[in-house]
Amino acid sequence: MRTVWLGTQTPARARPSRKMMAMMAAKKRERMRSLTAEAERREAQARAHFAELATEGLLDRAGLKVLLAKLNPEAEPTDEGVEYVHHCLFPGDPEGKLGEGAMMRMNKLYHYWCAKEASVDVLFARHDTDKSGLLNRDQMKNALVEIEKVNADKRACTRAPRIVLYAPSPSSAPHPTQTTRATG
């Protein structure tokens, strides 16, 4: 008799021992504890900075920029980055003020902006062919088409393959013109 192993099954000799699994679980728990402790430390630091900068429990744009500078000393916040964060938090209110509840979301948005800023600058420079500092309609269209091509390529690479678990045989499937009647 021949044994066939499917993709998710492995023979017993390839599985880690109980002792090894317990050690791996302990390491994972310790890693999670340290990540949680670091996140709590950063949040407490952010709350302390917020408390010293806020007037009446709120921050305006200038205070937002100072807070971002204190929370991210390695990357001085640019006006564009502050504008992006402010617009994401207050899309319809240019004078919106940041409360303590939105502070951690603000920091995540800023980190996202920092990660994408360089690629946006490169894309803008590539499509601003007349070097005017603005994109006209055709330049914007070309930039958006390029972004969509890149995103389509990423989606194609991450799309999971379709797996058919059961396909009925042609003889067991009713013909499209046949009707089935429930009995009972």
Protein backbone atom coordinates (compact mmCIF):
# COMPACT_ATOMS: atom_id res chain seq x y z
CA MET A 1 0.00 0.00 0.00
CA ARG A 2 1.35 3.38 -0.99
CA THR A 3 0.87 6.48 1.19
CA VAL A 4 0.25 9.75 -0.56
CA TRP A 5 0.86 12.94 1.45
CA LEU A 6 -1.16 16.00 0.57
CA GLY A 7 0.29 19.51 0.81
CA THR A 8 -0.74 20.22 4.39
CA GLN A 9 0.05 16.80 5.82
CA THR A 10 3.51 15.70 6.78
CA PRO A 11 4.80 12.39 8.04
CA ALA A 12 5.21 12.06 11.81
CA ARG A 13 9.02 12.09 11.62
CA ALA A 14 8.94 15.60 10.04
CA ARG A 15 6.81 17.08 12.81
CA PRO A 16 8.51 18.83 15.74
CA SER A 17 8.41 17.08 19.10
CA ARG A 18 6.10 18.25 21.88
CA LYS A 19 9.08 19.68 23.73
CA MET A 20 10.17 21.64 20.66
CA MET A 21 6.62 22.91 20.10
CA ALA A 22 6.42 24.05 23.74
CA MET A 23 9.74 25.91 23.35
CA MET A 24 8.55 27.57 20.13
CA ALA A 25 5.27 28.61 21.78
CA ALA A 26 7.16 30.06 24.77
CA LYS A 27 9.41 32.09 22.44
CA LYS A 28 6.38 33.36 20.54
CA ARG A 29 4.65 34.39 23.80
CA GLU A 30 7.79 36.22 24.94
CA ARG A 31 8.07 38.01 21.59
CA MET A 32 4.42 39.07 21.81
CA ARG A 33 4.92 40.32 25.39
CA SER A 34 7.91 42.43 24.36
CA LEU A 35 6.03 43.86 21.35
CA THR A 36 3.05 44.68 23.54
CA ALA A 37 5.26 46.31 26.16
CA GLU A 38 7.00 48.40 23.47
CA ALA A 39 3.65 49.49 22.00
CA GLU A 40 2.36 50.45 25.45
CA ARG A 41 5.56 52.42 26.14
CA ARG A 42 5.22 54.30 22.84
CA GLU A 43 1.55 55.04 23.50
CA ALA A 44 2.32 56.36 27.01
CA GLN A 45 5.08 58.55 25.56
CA ALA A 46 2.69 59.85 22.88
CA ARG A 47 0.02 60.64 25.48
CA ALA A 48 2.56 62.55 27.59
CA HIS A 49 3.67 64.63 24.57
CA PHE A 50 0.04 65.23 23.64
CA ALA A 51 -0.79 66.43 27.15
CA GLU A 52 2.03 68.98 27.14
CA LEU A 53 1.14 70.34 23.67
CA ALA A 54 -2.66 70.32 23.73
CA THR A 55 -4.74 73.32 24.66
CA GLU A 56 -8.18 72.38 25.94
CA GLY A 57 -7.44 68.75 24.98
CA LEU A 58 -7.09 69.51 21.25
CA LEU A 59 -4.23 70.08 18.79
CA ASP A 60 -4.32 72.27 15.69
CA ARG A 61 -2.10 71.78 12.62
CA ALA A 62 0.93 73.47 14.17
CA GLY A 63 0.60 71.32 17.29
CA LEU A 64 0.14 68.26 15.08
CA LYS A 65 3.44 68.97 13.35
CA VAL A 66 5.26 69.43 16.68
CA LEU A 67 3.75 66.21 18.03
CA LEU A 68 4.80 64.29 14.92
CA ALA A 69 8.33 65.68 15.29
CA LYS A 70 8.49 64.53 18.92
CA LEU A 71 7.10 61.07 18.16
CA ASN A 72 9.28 60.57 15.07
CA PRO A 73 12.63 62.26 15.71
CA GLU A 74 14.27 60.32 12.86
CA ALA A 75 11.99 61.92 10.23
CA GLU A 76 11.20 65.63 10.48
CA PRO A 77 7.57 66.02 9.37
CA THR A 78 7.10 67.88 6.12
CA ASP A 79 4.20 70.21 5.41
CA GLU A 80 2.90 67.72 2.84
CA GLY A 81 3.00 64.90 5.40
CA VAL A 82 1.13 66.99 7.98
CA GLU A 83 -1.40 68.01 5.31
CA TYR A 84 -1.92 64.34 4.34
CA VAL A 85 -2.47 63.26 7.96
CA HIS A 86 -4.78 66.19 8.68
CA HIS A 87 -6.83 65.59 5.53
CA CYS A 88 -7.21 61.87 6.37
CA LEU A 89 -8.39 62.68 9.89
CA PHE A 90 -10.60 65.62 8.91
CA PRO A 91 -11.56 65.24 5.22
CA GLY A 92 -14.20 67.97 5.23
CA ASP A 93 -12.83 70.27 7.92
CA PRO A 94 -9.62 72.21 7.15
CA GLU A 95 -9.66 73.68 10.67
CA GLY A 96 -10.23 70.35 12.45
CA LYS A 97 -8.41 69.79 15.73
CA LEU A 98 -6.93 66.52 16.87
CA GLY A 99 -8.15 64.92 20.08
CA GLU A 100 -6.30 62.34 22.15
CA GLY A 101 -8.47 59.51 20.82
CA ALA A 102 -7.20 59.94 17.24
CA MET A 103 -3.55 60.28 18.23
CA MET A 104 -2.42 56.70 17.50
CA ARG A 105 -4.29 56.69 14.17
CA MET A 106 -2.50 59.95 13.35
CA ASN A 107 0.87 58.32 13.95
CA LYS A 108 -0.03 55.31 11.75
CA LEU A 109 -1.12 57.63 8.95
CA TYR A 110 2.14 59.54 9.20
CA HIS A 111 4.20 56.33 9.02
CA TYR A 112 2.19 55.32 5.94
CA TRP A 113 2.90 58.71 4.38
CA CYS A 114 6.64 58.38 5.10
CA ALA A 115 6.71 54.92 3.52
CA LYS A 116 4.98 56.11 0.33
CA GLU A 117 6.42 59.62 -0.04
CA ALA A 118 9.54 58.63 -1.98
CA SER A 119 7.62 56.52 -4.51
CA VAL A 120 5.09 59.34 -5.01
CA ASP A 121 7.91 61.83 -5.63
CA VAL A 122 9.51 59.51 -8.21
CA LEU A 123 6.17 58.94 -9.94
CA PHE A 124 5.43 62.67 -9.98
CA ALA A 125 8.87 63.51 -11.40
CA ARG A 126 8.48 60.86 -14.10
CA HIS A 127 5.11 62.23 -15.27
CA ASP A 128 5.74 65.97 -14.84
CA THR A 129 7.36 66.11 -18.27
CA ASP A 130 7.25 69.90 -18.61
CA LYS A 131 8.75 70.34 -15.08
CA SER A 132 6.01 72.81 -14.12
CA GLY A 133 5.46 71.30 -10.68
CA LEU A 134 1.88 70.45 -11.66
CA LEU A 135 0.34 67.56 -13.57
CA ASN A 136 -2.00 68.44 -16.40
CA ARG A 137 -4.88 66.15 -17.35
CA ASP A 138 -2.85 63.86 -19.67
CA GLN A 139 0.07 63.62 -17.24
CA MET A 140 -2.31 62.72 -14.41
CA LYS A 141 -4.01 60.11 -16.56
CA ASN A 142 -0.65 58.52 -17.42
CA ALA A 143 0.37 58.51 -13.74
CA LEU A 144 -2.90 56.86 -12.71
CA VAL A 145 -2.57 54.25 -15.47
CA GLU A 146 0.94 53.43 -14.23
CA ILE A 147 -0.29 53.11 -10.64
CA GLU A 148 -3.09 50.79 -11.75
CA LYS A 149 -0.66 48.60 -13.73
CA VAL A 150 1.61 48.24 -10.71
CA ASN A 151 -1.35 47.44 -8.44
CA ALA A 152 -2.74 44.94 -10.97
CA ASP A 153 0.64 43.18 -11.09
CA LYS A 154 0.72 43.02 -7.28
CA ARG A 155 -2.82 41.63 -7.17
CA ALA A 156 -1.93 38.99 -9.77
CA CYS A 157 1.09 37.86 -7.72
CA THR A 158 -0.86 37.56 -4.47
CA ARG A 159 -4.01 35.96 -5.84
CA ALA A 160 -4.46 32.47 -4.44
CA PRO A 161 -4.88 29.63 -6.93
CA ARG A 162 -8.35 28.18 -7.26
CA ILE A 163 -8.66 24.68 -5.90
CA VAL A 164 -11.58 22.54 -7.00
CA LEU A 165 -12.48 20.15 -4.21
CA TYR A 166 -15.38 18.41 -5.92
CA ALA A 167 -16.51 18.39 -9.49
CA PRO A 168 -19.65 16.36 -10.23
CA SER A 169 -19.42 13.98 -13.13
CA PRO A 170 -21.35 15.05 -16.22
CA SER A 171 -23.74 12.11 -15.89
CA SER A 172 -24.81 13.07 -12.32
CA ALA A 173 -25.54 16.71 -13.12
CA PRO A 174 -29.04 17.47 -14.44
CA HIS A 175 -29.27 18.88 -17.91
CA PRO A 176 -30.06 22.65 -17.95
CA THR A 177 -33.44 21.95 -19.56
CA GLN A 178 -34.38 19.33 -16.96
CA THR A 179 -36.22 20.28 -13.83
CA THR A 180 -35.90 18.56 -10.50
CA ARG A 181 -38.92 17.95 -8.36
CA ALA A 182 -38.84 17.62 -4.60
CA THR A 183 -40.69 14.60 -3.36
CA GLY A 184 -42.18 14.25 0.01
